[in-house]
C-alpha atoms as a PDB file:
ATOM      1  CA  MET A   1      46.312  -2.085  47.608  1.00  0.00           C
ATOM      2  CA  LYS A   2      43.029  -1.186  49.348  1.00  0.00           C
ATOM      3  CA  ARG A   3      44.949  -0.477  52.552  1.00  0.00           C
ATOM      4  CA  PHE A   4      47.286   1.847  50.660  1.00  0.00           C
ATOM      5  CA  PHE A   5      44.409   3.867  49.211  1.00  0.00           C
ATOM      6  CA  LEU A   6      42.699   3.993  52.598  1.00  0.00           C
ATOM      7  CA  ARG A   7      45.851   5.397  54.162  1.00  0.00           C
ATOM      8  CA  LEU A   8      46.200   7.886  51.311  1.00  0.00           C
ATOM      9  CA  VAL A   9      42.632   9.107  51.803  1.00  0.00           C
ATOM     10  CA  CYS A  10      43.183   9.425  55.557  1.00  0.00           C
ATOM     11  CA  PHE A  11      46.375  11.389  54.910  1.00  0.00           C
ATOM     12  CA  PHE A  12      44.606  13.925  52.680  1.00  0.00           C
ATOM     13  CA  LEU A  13      41.697  14.182  55.103  1.00  0.00           C
ATOM     14  CA  ALA A  14      44.157  14.949  57.885  1.00  0.00           C
ATOM     15  CA  LEU A  15      45.752  17.651  55.745  1.00  0.00           C
ATOM     16  CA  ALA A  16      42.358  19.172  54.966  1.00  0.00           C
ATOM     17  CA  ALA A  17      41.347  19.124  58.631  1.00  0.00           C
ATOM     18  CA  ILE A  18      43.944  21.739  59.543  1.00  0.00           C
ATOM     19  CA  PRO A  19      42.741  24.573  57.236  1.00  0.00           C
ATOM     20  CA  LEU A  20      39.086  23.611  57.735  1.00  0.00           C
ATOM     21  CA  GLY A  21      39.554  23.700  61.501  1.00  0.00           C
ATOM     22  CA  TYR A  22      41.210  27.096  61.290  1.00  0.00           C
ATOM     23  CA  TYR A  23      38.389  28.373  59.072  1.00  0.00           C
ATOM     24  CA  ALA A  24      35.795  27.163  61.574  1.00  0.00           C
ATOM     25  CA  TYR A  25      37.745  28.807  64.407  1.00  0.00           C
ATOM     26  CA  VAL A  26      37.885  32.184  62.628  1.00  0.00           C
ATOM     27  CA  GLN A  27      34.214  32.089  61.691  1.00  0.00           C
ATOM     28  CA  SER A  28      33.239  31.250  65.255  1.00  0.00           C
ATOM     29  CA  PHE A  29      34.009  34.892  66.071  1.00  0.00           C
ATOM     30  CA  PRO A  30      31.349  37.545  65.353  1.00  0.00           C
ATOM     31  CA  ALA A  31      31.193  39.260  61.959  1.00  0.00           C
ATOM     32  CA  MET A  32      33.438  42.286  62.480  1.00  0.00           C
ATOM     33  CA  TYR A  33      32.795  44.169  59.219  1.00  0.00           C
ATOM     34  CA  ARG A  34      29.009  44.198  59.138  1.00  0.00           C
ATOM     35  CA  GLY A  35      28.890  47.876  60.116  1.00  0.00           C
ATOM     36  CA  SER A  36      30.724  48.852  56.915  1.00  0.00           C
ATOM     37  CA  LEU A  37      29.899  49.234  53.248  1.00  0.00           C
ATOM     38  CA  MET A  38      31.247  45.727  52.612  1.00  0.00           C
ATOM     39  CA  GLY A  39      29.383  44.168  55.492  1.00  0.00           C
ATOM     40  CA  SER A  40      26.050  45.572  54.323  1.00  0.00           C
ATOM     41  CA  MET A  41      25.587  42.810  51.747  1.00  0.00           C
ATOM     42  CA  SER A  42      23.845  40.384  54.107  1.00  0.00           C
ATOM     43  CA  VAL A  43      21.192  42.985  54.987  1.00  0.00           C
ATOM     44  CA  ARG A  44      20.748  43.886  51.298  1.00  0.00           C
ATOM     45  CA  LEU A  45      20.102  40.235  50.474  1.00  0.00           C
ATOM     46  CA  ASN A  46      17.495  40.089  53.242  1.00  0.00           C
ATOM     47  CA  ILE A  47      15.789  43.227  51.865  1.00  0.00           C
ATOM     48  CA  LEU A  48      15.782  41.699  48.387  1.00  0.00           C
ATOM     49  CA  ARG A  49      14.193  38.472  49.616  1.00  0.00           C
ATOM     50  CA  ALA A  50      11.606  40.245  51.773  1.00  0.00           C
ATOM     51  CA  THR A  51      10.313  42.444  48.926  1.00  0.00           C
ATOM     52  CA  GLU A  52       7.511  40.751  47.017  1.00  0.00           C
ATOM     53  CA  GLY A  53       6.404  41.383  43.455  1.00  0.00           C
ATOM     54  CA  ALA A  54       8.230  43.330  40.784  1.00  0.00           C
ATOM     55  CA  ARG A  55      11.159  45.481  41.906  1.00  0.00           C
ATOM     56  CA  ILE A  56      13.729  47.874  40.485  1.00  0.00           C
ATOM     57  CA  LEU A  57      17.190  46.614  41.433  1.00  0.00           C
ATOM     58  CA  VAL A  58      20.081  49.023  40.914  1.00  0.00           C
ATOM     59  CA  VAL A  59      23.242  46.914  40.902  1.00  0.00           C
ATOM     60  CA  GLY A  60      26.814  48.149  41.149  1.00  0.00           C
ATOM     61  CA  GLY A  61      29.485  49.227  43.605  1.00  0.00           C
ATOM     62  CA  SER A  62      29.408  51.721  46.454  1.00  0.00           C
ATOM     63  CA  SER A  63      28.387  54.488  44.061  1.00  0.00           C
ATOM     64  CA  VAL A  64      24.885  52.972  43.880  1.00  0.00           C
ATOM     65  CA  PRO A  65      23.775  53.679  47.478  1.00  0.00           C
ATOM     66  CA  TYR A  66      25.428  57.108  47.300  1.00  0.00           C
ATOM     67  CA  SER A  67      23.816  58.149  44.011  1.00  0.00           C
ATOM     68  CA  ILE A  68      20.289  56.692  43.854  1.00  0.00           C
ATOM     69  CA  GLU A  69      17.442  57.837  46.107  1.00  0.00           C
ATOM     70  CA  CYS A  70      15.348  54.691  46.267  1.00  0.00           C
ATOM     71  CA  GLU A  71      12.225  56.301  47.741  1.00  0.00           C
ATOM     72  CA  THR A  72      12.172  58.881  44.930  1.00  0.00           C
ATOM     73  CA  VAL A  73      12.445  56.149  42.295  1.00  0.00           C
ATOM     74  CA  ALA A  74       9.718  54.117  43.994  1.00  0.00           C
ATOM     75  CA  GLU A  75       7.352  57.090  44.172  1.00  0.00           C
ATOM     76  CA  ALA A  76       7.933  57.984  40.516  1.00  0.00           C
ATOM     77  CA  THR A  77       7.533  54.444  39.185  1.00  0.00           C
ATOM     78  CA  GLY A  78       5.174  52.815  41.658  1.00  0.00           C
ATOM     79  CA  THR A  79       7.726  50.017  42.113  1.00  0.00           C
ATOM     80  CA  PRO A  80       9.992  49.321  45.108  1.00  0.00           C
ATOM     81  CA  CYS A  81      13.617  50.223  44.387  1.00  0.00           C
ATOM     82  CA  ILE A  82      16.543  48.466  46.111  1.00  0.00           C
ATOM     83  CA  ALA A  83      20.178  49.619  46.020  1.00  0.00           C
ATOM     84  CA  MET A  84      22.136  46.394  45.521  1.00  0.00           C
ATOM     85  CA  GLY A  85      25.620  47.852  45.779  1.00  0.00           C
ATOM     86  CA  ALA A  86      28.283  47.819  48.494  1.00  0.00           C
ATOM     87  CA  THR A  87      31.720  48.025  46.914  1.00  0.00           C
ATOM     88  CA  ALA A  88      33.072  47.814  43.376  1.00  0.00           C
ATOM     89  CA  TYR A  89      35.732  45.354  44.497  1.00  0.00           C
ATOM     90  CA  LEU A  90      33.261  42.511  44.897  1.00  0.00           C
ATOM     91  CA  GLY A  91      33.313  42.428  41.111  1.00  0.00           C
ATOM     92  CA  MET A  92      30.436  42.449  38.646  1.00  0.00           C
ATOM     93  CA  GLU A  93      30.384  38.656  38.416  1.00  0.00           C
ATOM     94  CA  TYR A  94      29.603  38.283  42.114  1.00  0.00           C
ATOM     95  CA  TYR A  95      26.723  40.758  42.057  1.00  0.00           C
ATOM     96  CA  LEU A  96      25.210  38.900  39.107  1.00  0.00           C
ATOM     97  CA  ALA A  97      25.672  35.548  40.858  1.00  0.00           C
ATOM     98  CA  LEU A  98      24.019  37.027  43.948  1.00  0.00           C
ATOM     99  CA  LEU A  99      20.844  37.697  41.941  1.00  0.00           C
ATOM    100  CA  ASP A 100      20.657  34.205  40.458  1.00  0.00           C
ATOM    101  CA  GLY A 101      17.562  32.513  41.822  1.00  0.00           C
ATOM    102  CA  GLU A 102      16.359  35.772  43.394  1.00  0.00           C
ATOM    103  CA  LEU A 103      14.686  37.467  40.416  1.00  0.00           C
ATOM    104  CA  HIS A 104      10.928  37.913  40.139  1.00  0.00           C
ATOM    105  CA  GLU A 105       8.844  38.212  36.998  1.00  0.00           C
ATOM    106  CA  GLY A 106       8.594  41.902  36.116  1.00  0.00           C
ATOM    107  CA  ASP A 107      11.826  42.899  37.858  1.00  0.00           C
ATOM    108  CA  LEU A 108      13.855  45.673  36.276  1.00  0.00           C
ATOM    109  CA  VAL A 109      17.580  45.184  36.876  1.00  0.00           C
ATOM    110  CA  ILE A 110      19.681  48.279  36.225  1.00  0.00           C
ATOM    111  CA  LEU A 111      23.382  47.442  36.039  1.00  0.00           C
ATOM    112  CA  ALA A 112      25.461  50.462  37.052  1.00  0.00           C
ATOM    113  CA  PRO A 113      29.058  49.191  37.214  1.00  0.00           C
ATOM    114  CA  GLU A 114      31.849  51.528  38.220  1.00  0.00           C
ATOM    115  CA  PHE A 115      34.861  51.780  35.920  1.00  0.00           C
ATOM    116  CA  ALA A 116      36.813  49.344  38.119  1.00  0.00           C
ATOM    117  CA  MET A 117      34.014  46.800  37.721  1.00  0.00           C
ATOM    118  CA  LEU A 118      34.130  47.078  33.944  1.00  0.00           C
ATOM    119  CA  GLN A 119      37.832  46.207  34.230  1.00  0.00           C
ATOM    120  CA  ASN A 120      37.019  43.199  36.430  1.00  0.00           C
ATOM    121  CA  ALA A 121      39.088  44.525  39.346  1.00  0.00           C
ATOM    122  CA  VAL A 122      38.199  42.138  42.203  1.00  0.00           C
ATOM    123  CA  SER A 123      39.627  42.318  45.724  1.00  0.00           C
ATOM    124  CA  TYR A 124      39.232  38.931  47.384  1.00  0.00           C
ATOM    125  CA  SER A 125      40.174  40.219  50.830  1.00  0.00           C
ATOM    126  CA  THR A 126      37.395  42.801  50.472  1.00  0.00           C
ATOM    127  CA  THR A 127      35.047  40.031  49.359  1.00  0.00           C
ATOM    128  CA  TRP A 128      35.789  38.144  52.582  1.00  0.00           C
ATOM    129  CA  MET A 129      34.650  41.220  54.532  1.00  0.00           C
ATOM    130  CA  ALA A 130      31.354  41.144  52.626  1.00  0.00           C
ATOM    131  CA  VAL A 131      30.595  37.427  52.967  1.00  0.00           C
ATOM    132  CA  GLU A 132      32.051  36.710  56.428  1.00  0.00           C
ATOM    133  CA  ASN A 133      29.910  34.476  58.651  1.00  0.00           C
ATOM    134  CA  SER A 134      27.188  34.259  55.983  1.00  0.00           C
ATOM    135  CA  PRO A 135      26.685  30.809  54.425  1.00  0.00           C
ATOM    136  CA  GLU A 136      24.133  32.360  52.041  1.00  0.00           C
ATOM    137  CA  LEU A 137      26.625  34.873  50.658  1.00  0.00           C
ATOM    138  CA  LEU A 138      29.407  32.282  50.500  1.00  0.00           C
ATOM    139  CA  ARG A 139      27.218  29.947  48.452  1.00  0.00           C
ATOM    140  CA  LYS A 140      26.681  32.719  45.917  1.00  0.00           C
ATOM    141  CA  LEU A 141      30.411  33.061  45.182  1.00  0.00           C
ATOM    142  CA  PRO A 142      31.322  32.159  41.583  1.00  0.00           C
ATOM    143  CA  LEU A 143      33.668  29.190  41.270  1.00  0.00           C
ATOM    144  CA  SER A 144      36.273  31.417  39.639  1.00  0.00           C
ATOM    145  CA  TYR A 145      36.583  33.380  42.909  1.00  0.00           C
ATOM    146  CA  TRP A 146      37.665  30.489  45.098  1.00  0.00           C
ATOM    147  CA  PRO A 147      41.403  30.376  44.250  1.00  0.00           C
ATOM    148  CA  GLY A 148      41.696  34.052  45.175  1.00  0.00           C
ATOM    149  CA  MET A 149      39.503  33.585  48.244  1.00  0.00           C
ATOM    150  CA  ILE A 150      41.653  30.743  49.526  1.00  0.00           C
ATOM    151  CA  GLN A 151      44.833  32.699  48.884  1.00  0.00           C
ATOM    152  CA  THR A 152      43.637  35.754  50.839  1.00  0.00           C
ATOM    153  CA  PHE A 153      41.854  34.007  53.708  1.00  0.00           C
ATOM    154  CA  TYR A 154      44.768  34.097  56.139  1.00  0.00           C
ATOM    155  CA  GLY A 155      45.269  37.860  55.715  1.00  0.00           C
ATOM    156  CA  TYR A 156      41.547  38.463  56.194  1.00  0.00           C
ATOM    157  CA  SER A 157      41.408  36.187  59.239  1.00  0.00           C
ATOM    158  CA  ARG A 158      44.382  37.903  60.859  1.00  0.00           C
ATOM    159  CA  ASP A 159      42.739  41.303  60.387  1.00  0.00           C
ATOM    160  CA  LYS A 160      39.387  40.039  61.671  1.00  0.00           C
ATOM    161  CA  LEU A 161      40.863  38.506  64.822  1.00  0.00           C
ATOM    162  CA  GLY A 162      42.983  41.607  65.429  1.00  0.00           C
ATOM    163  CA  LEU A 163      39.902  43.796  65.142  1.00  0.00           C
ATOM    164  CA  TYR A 164      38.026  41.571  67.585  1.00  0.00           C
ATOM    165  CA  ARG A 165      40.837  41.778  70.135  1.00  0.00           C
ATOM    166  CA  SER A 166      41.047  45.554  69.872  1.00  0.00           C
ATOM    167  CA  ALA A 167      37.354  46.471  69.564  1.00  0.00           C
ATOM    168  CA  GLY A 168      35.415  43.480  70.863  1.00  0.00           C
ATOM    169  CA  ALA A 169      32.223  42.069  69.425  1.00  0.00           C
ATOM    170  CA  PRO A 170      29.755  44.459  67.751  1.00  0.00           C
ATOM    171  CA  GLY A 171      27.080  45.514  70.194  1.00  0.00           C
ATOM    172  CA  GLU A 172      24.320  46.002  67.635  1.00  0.00           C
ATOM    173  CA  THR A 173      22.386  43.759  65.274  1.00  0.00           C
ATOM    174  CA  PRO A 174      23.296  43.821  61.559  1.00  0.00           C
ATOM    175  CA  GLU A 175      20.124  45.849  60.868  1.00  0.00           C
ATOM    176  CA  GLU A 176      21.021  48.382  63.574  1.00  0.00           C
ATOM    177  CA  GLU A 177      24.543  48.749  62.218  1.00  0.00           C
ATOM    178  CA  PHE A 178      23.110  49.074  58.715  1.00  0.00           C
ATOM    179  CA  ALA A 179      20.937  51.989  59.826  1.00  0.00           C
ATOM    180  CA  GLY A 180      23.758  53.422  61.938  1.00  0.00           C
ATOM    181  CA  PHE A 181      25.988  53.641  58.882  1.00  0.00           C
ATOM    182  CA  GLY A 182      23.363  55.836  57.232  1.00  0.00           C
ATOM    183  CA  PHE A 183      21.532  53.325  55.044  1.00  0.00           C
ATOM    184  CA  GLY A 184      17.772  53.601  54.635  1.00  0.00           C
ATOM    185  CA  PRO A 185      15.286  50.711  54.437  1.00  0.00           C
ATOM    186  CA  TRP A 186      16.013  50.205  50.713  1.00  0.00           C
ATOM    187  CA  GLY A 187      19.802  50.249  50.946  1.00  0.00           C
ATOM    188  CA  ASP A 188      20.609  53.782  49.801  1.00  0.00           C
ATOM    189  CA  VAL A 189      22.452  56.307  51.983  1.00  0.00           C
ATOM    190  CA  VAL A 190      19.770  58.607  53.376  1.00  0.00           C
ATOM    191  CA  ARG A 191      21.745  60.867  55.716  1.00  0.00           C
ATOM    192  CA  GLU A 192      22.389  64.400  54.460  1.00  0.00           C
ATOM    193  CA  ARG A 193      25.935  64.912  53.239  1.00  0.00           C
ATOM    194  CA  SER A 194      28.008  67.657  51.652  1.00  0.00           C
ATOM    195  CA  THR A 195      31.465  67.438  50.127  1.00  0.00           C
ATOM    196  CA  LEU A 196      34.471  66.498  52.249  1.00  0.00           C
ATOM    197  CA  LEU A 197      36.951  66.681  49.345  1.00  0.00           C
ATOM    198  CA  GLU A 198      39.192  69.665  50.014  1.00  0.00           C
ATOM    199  CA  SER A 199      40.726  69.658  46.540  1.00  0.00           C
ATOM    200  CA  GLY A 200      37.430  68.772  44.853  1.00  0.00           C
ATOM    201  CA  TYR A 201      38.437  65.176  44.047  1.00  0.00           C
ATOM    202  CA  ASP A 202      40.345  62.169  45.335  1.00  0.00           C
ATOM    203  CA  ARG A 203      43.861  62.467  43.912  1.00  0.00           C
ATOM    204  CA  ASN A 204      44.509  58.748  44.548  1.00  0.00           C
ATOM    205  CA  ASN A 205      41.771  57.591  42.193  1.00  0.00           C
ATOM    206  CA  LEU A 206      42.456  59.126  38.795  1.00  0.00           C
ATOM    207  CA  LEU A 207      40.728  57.700  35.741  1.00  0.00           C
ATOM    208  CA  THR A 208      42.162  56.967  32.320  1.00  0.00           C
ATOM    209  CA  ILE A 209      40.488  54.905  29.601  1.00  0.00           C
ATOM    210  CA  ASP A 210      42.284  52.386  27.400  1.00  0.00           C
ATOM    211  CA  GLU A 211      41.849  48.913  25.904  1.00  0.00           C
ATOM    212  CA  SER A 212      41.679  47.332  29.373  1.00  0.00           C
ATOM    213  CA  SER A 213      38.680  49.457  30.394  1.00  0.00           C
ATOM    214  CA  LEU A 214      36.181  46.789  29.320  1.00  0.00           C
ATOM    215  CA  SER A 215      36.985  43.202  30.302  1.00  0.00           C
ATOM    216  CA  GLU A 216      35.808  40.358  28.092  1.00  0.00           C
ATOM    217  CA  ASN A 217      35.073  38.359  31.259  1.00  0.00           C
ATOM    218  CA  VAL A 218      32.703  41.076  32.437  1.00  0.00           C
ATOM    219  CA  VAL A 219      30.952  41.180  29.065  1.00  0.00           C
ATOM    220  CA  ARG A 220      30.481  37.401  29.074  1.00  0.00           C
ATOM    221  CA  ALA A 221      29.147  37.460  32.644  1.00  0.00           C
ATOM    222  CA  ILE A 222      26.640  40.228  31.869  1.00  0.00           C
ATOM    223  CA  ASN A 223      25.425  38.563  28.676  1.00  0.00           C
ATOM    224  CA  ALA A 224      24.978  35.215  30.435  1.00  0.00           C
ATOM    225  CA  PHE A 225      23.066  36.975  33.208  1.00  0.00           C
ATOM    226  CA  CYS A 226      20.808  38.687  30.650  1.00  0.00           C
ATOM    227  CA  ARG A 227      19.804  35.275  29.302  1.00  0.00           C
ATOM    228  CA  ARG A 228      19.041  33.960  32.789  1.00  0.00           C
ATOM    229  CA  ALA A 229      17.099  37.116  33.674  1.00  0.00           C
ATOM    230  CA  GLU A 230      14.990  36.819  30.531  1.00  0.00           C
ATOM    231  CA  LYS A 231      13.995  33.278  31.522  1.00  0.00           C
ATOM    232  CA  ALA A 232      12.922  34.629  34.924  1.00  0.00           C
ATOM    233  CA  GLY A 233      10.783  37.325  33.267  1.00  0.00           C
ATOM    234  CA  ALA A 234      13.081  40.204  34.279  1.00  0.00           C
ATOM    235  CA  THR A 235      14.437  43.064  32.153  1.00  0.00           C
ATOM    236  CA  VAL A 236      18.097  44.119  32.301  1.00  0.00           C
ATOM    237  CA  LEU A 237      19.427  47.586  31.446  1.00  0.00           C
ATOM    238  CA  MET A 238      22.848  49.200  31.790  1.00  0.00           C
ATOM    239  CA  THR A 239      23.663  52.764  32.748  1.00  0.00           C
ATOM    240  CA  TRP A 240      26.504  54.984  33.898  1.00  0.00           C
ATOM    241  CA  VAL A 241      27.686  55.834  37.406  1.00  0.00           C
ATOM    242  CA  PRO A 242      28.893  59.275  38.522  1.00  0.00           C
ATOM    243  CA  PHE A 243      32.575  60.114  38.408  1.00  0.00           C
ATOM    244  CA  ASP A 244      34.315  63.320  39.466  1.00  0.00           C
ATOM    245  CA  GLU A 245      35.295  65.194  36.297  1.00  0.00           C
ATOM    246  CA  LEU A 246      38.327  66.688  38.081  1.00  0.00           C
ATOM    247  CA  ALA A 247      39.843  63.197  38.400  1.00  0.00           C
ATOM    248  CA  PHE A 248      39.333  62.219  34.757  1.00  0.00           C
ATOM    249  CA  ARG A 249      42.470  62.132  32.630  1.00  0.00           C
ATOM    250  CA  GLY A 250      40.933  61.735  29.216  1.00  0.00           C
ATOM    251  CA  THR A 251      38.584  63.215  26.628  1.00  0.00           C
ATOM    252  CA  LYS A 252      34.924  63.037  25.649  1.00  0.00           C
ATOM    253  CA  GLU A 253      36.041  60.991  22.672  1.00  0.00           C
ATOM    254  CA  ASP A 254      37.504  58.387  25.042  1.00  0.00           C
ATOM    255  CA  LEU A 255      34.169  58.123  26.820  1.00  0.00           C
ATOM    256  CA  ALA A 256      32.249  57.909  23.556  1.00  0.00           C
ATOM    257  CA  GLU A 257      34.540  55.127  22.332  1.00  0.00           C
ATOM    258  CA  LEU A 258      34.110  53.128  25.548  1.00  0.00           C
ATOM    259  CA  GLU A 259      30.340  53.591  25.389  1.00  0.00           C
ATOM    260  CA  ALA A 260      30.341  52.341  21.784  1.00  0.00           C
ATOM    261  CA  ARG A 261      32.290  49.248  22.885  1.00  0.00           C
ATOM    262  CA  ILE A 262      29.794  48.581  25.673  1.00  0.00           C
ATOM    263  CA  ARG A 263      26.777  49.024  23.400  1.00  0.00           C
ATOM    264  CA  GLY A 264      28.360  46.826  20.733  1.00  0.00           C
ATOM    265  CA  SER A 265      29.254  43.925  23.029  1.00  0.00           C
ATOM    266  CA  VAL A 266      26.703  43.842  25.868  1.00  0.00           C
ATOM    267  CA  ASP A 267      23.223  42.433  25.253  1.00  0.00           C
ATOM    268  CA  ALA A 268      21.520  44.786  27.738  1.00  0.00           C
ATOM    269  CA  PRO A 269      20.275  48.148  26.368  1.00  0.00           C
ATOM    270  CA  TYR A 270      22.309  51.120  27.612  1.00  0.00           C
ATOM    271  CA  ILE A 271      20.310  54.078  28.922  1.00  0.00           C
ATOM    272  CA  GLY A 272      21.767  57.555  29.137  1.00  0.00           C
ATOM    273  CA  THR A 273      25.153  58.567  27.760  1.00  0.00           C
ATOM    274  CA  LEU A 274      28.462  57.639  29.363  1.00  0.00           C
ATOM    275  CA  ALA A 275      29.757  61.189  29.004  1.00  0.00           C
ATOM    276  CA  ASP A 276      26.994  62.258  31.418  1.00  0.00           C
ATOM    277  CA  CYS A 277      28.873  60.497  34.227  1.00  0.00           C
ATOM    278  CA  MET A 278      31.388  63.355  34.512  1.00  0.00           C
ATOM    279  CA  LEU A 279      29.880  65.599  37.175  1.00  0.00           C
ATOM    280  CA  PRO A 280      31.320  68.689  38.934  1.00  0.00           C
ATOM    281  CA  GLY A 281      33.598  68.114  41.911  1.00  0.00           C
ATOM    282  CA  GLU A 282      31.310  69.926  44.353  1.00  0.00           C
ATOM    283  CA  LEU A 283      28.710  67.157  43.918  1.00  0.00           C
ATOM    284  CA  PHE A 284      30.997  64.479  45.365  1.00  0.00           C
ATOM    285  CA  TYR A 285      31.032  63.559  49.029  1.00  0.00           C
ATOM    286  CA  ASP A 286      34.149  61.610  50.081  1.00  0.00           C
ATOM    287  CA  SER A 287      35.348  59.878  46.910  1.00  0.00           C
ATOM    288  CA  ASN A 288      35.222  60.250  43.143  1.00  0.00           C
ATOM    289  CA  ASN A 289      32.127  57.990  43.023  1.00  0.00           C
ATOM    290  CA  HIS A 290      30.132  58.956  46.128  1.00  0.00           C
ATOM    291  CA  LEU A 291      27.700  61.805  45.618  1.00  0.00           C
ATOM    292  CA  THR A 292      26.531  64.415  48.085  1.00  0.00           C
ATOM    293  CA  SER A 293      22.812  64.595  48.847  1.00  0.00           C
ATOM    294  CA  GLU A 294      22.427  67.255  46.147  1.00  0.00           C
ATOM    295  CA  GLY A 295      24.319  65.091  43.683  1.00  0.00           C
ATOM    296  CA  ALA A 296      22.168  62.059  44.485  1.00  0.00           C
ATOM    297  CA  ARG A 297      18.996  64.048  43.839  1.00  0.00           C
ATOM    298  CA  LEU A 298      20.387  65.120  40.458  1.00  0.00           C
ATOM    299  CA  ARG A 299      21.516  61.616  39.498  1.00  0.00           C
ATOM    300  CA  THR A 300      18.210  60.065  40.554  1.00  0.00           C
ATOM    301  CA  GLN A 301      16.276  62.481  38.367  1.00  0.00           C
ATOM    302  CA  THR A 302      18.488  61.809  35.335  1.00  0.00           C
ATOM    303  CA  LEU A 303      17.976  58.069  35.861  1.00  0.00           C
ATOM    304  CA  LEU A 304      14.205  58.559  35.905  1.00  0.00           C
ATOM    305  CA  ASP A 305      14.433  60.713  32.770  1.00  0.00           C
ATOM    306  CA  ASP A 306      16.491  58.039  30.997  1.00  0.00           C
ATOM    307  CA  LEU A 307      14.000  55.343  32.040  1.00  0.00           C
ATOM    308  CA  ALA A 308      11.152  57.445  30.658  1.00  0.00           C
ATOM    309  CA  VAL A 309      12.920  57.827  27.315  1.00  0.00           C
ATOM    310  CA  PHE A 310      13.629  54.082  27.185  1.00  0.00           C
ATOM    311  CA  ARG A 311      10.027  53.131  27.899  1.00  0.00           C
ATOM    312  CA  ASN A 312       8.681  55.565  25.332  1.00  0.00           C
ATOM    313  CA  PHE A 313      11.137  54.185  22.813  1.00  0.00           C
ATOM    314  CA  LEU A 314       9.830  50.687  23.452  1.00  0.00           C
END
């Protein structure tokens, strides 16, 4: 009987060796996506860990670095501000898991999820691009992500190896590629930009609001994070992210109803008004969430105004 179980264990170990060997082979190649929005996560984590004392952490998708001017926030508040956002398709749960164990006493965490993040729309192939070659980022993955990560690994690996064969290894360090993309030292996009949207909005990213617009899984994840943040001495707030009004297929009443659902189910105070997220098309750069430099200045000031109102209210 012992021999049978020993053979069985050896059989399963042999089966596991094949995918593990392939994984090790793929990850032996350089990180090919680090010069992208997705690949910026490793540098953002390093910035977070290198910044001592209390910080303002703005957490969300790619709209965060395109809409918040971190230096302006830091100057107005006297507190370093870090843009902890790369892409909405990492999912809200991953961003919250990323901050676990990283919070300082006095931190202010501003959750600014895009509409897709409220719906819990996760792309596991995109997540691979963000965490590739980084044991630190892989360890932060929620357990619920792993089935999807395993399922999409082959497609990601094929794309990564194809990119390596066609373009070769990146010639710059992650920090150099980070700056080359246009990110500043605090993770926001600092290069000047004006609109590239010929029709004023991205026609492939229209927004409607319905019952699926707020996922119960997202609400549970945020509320659990609020409890953990409180133990660490941090404060958590929620706010809106910009969206191109030309791409919205709904009404102000729809926005007000969704805001009421968020306020009624999420433990974090909500600052600002969700209807404020609908901004004119000329303020958007290359998508319905990415602001031009002018738009970012406007959004940053409204965030500071909302923070002022919140603090006075307290």
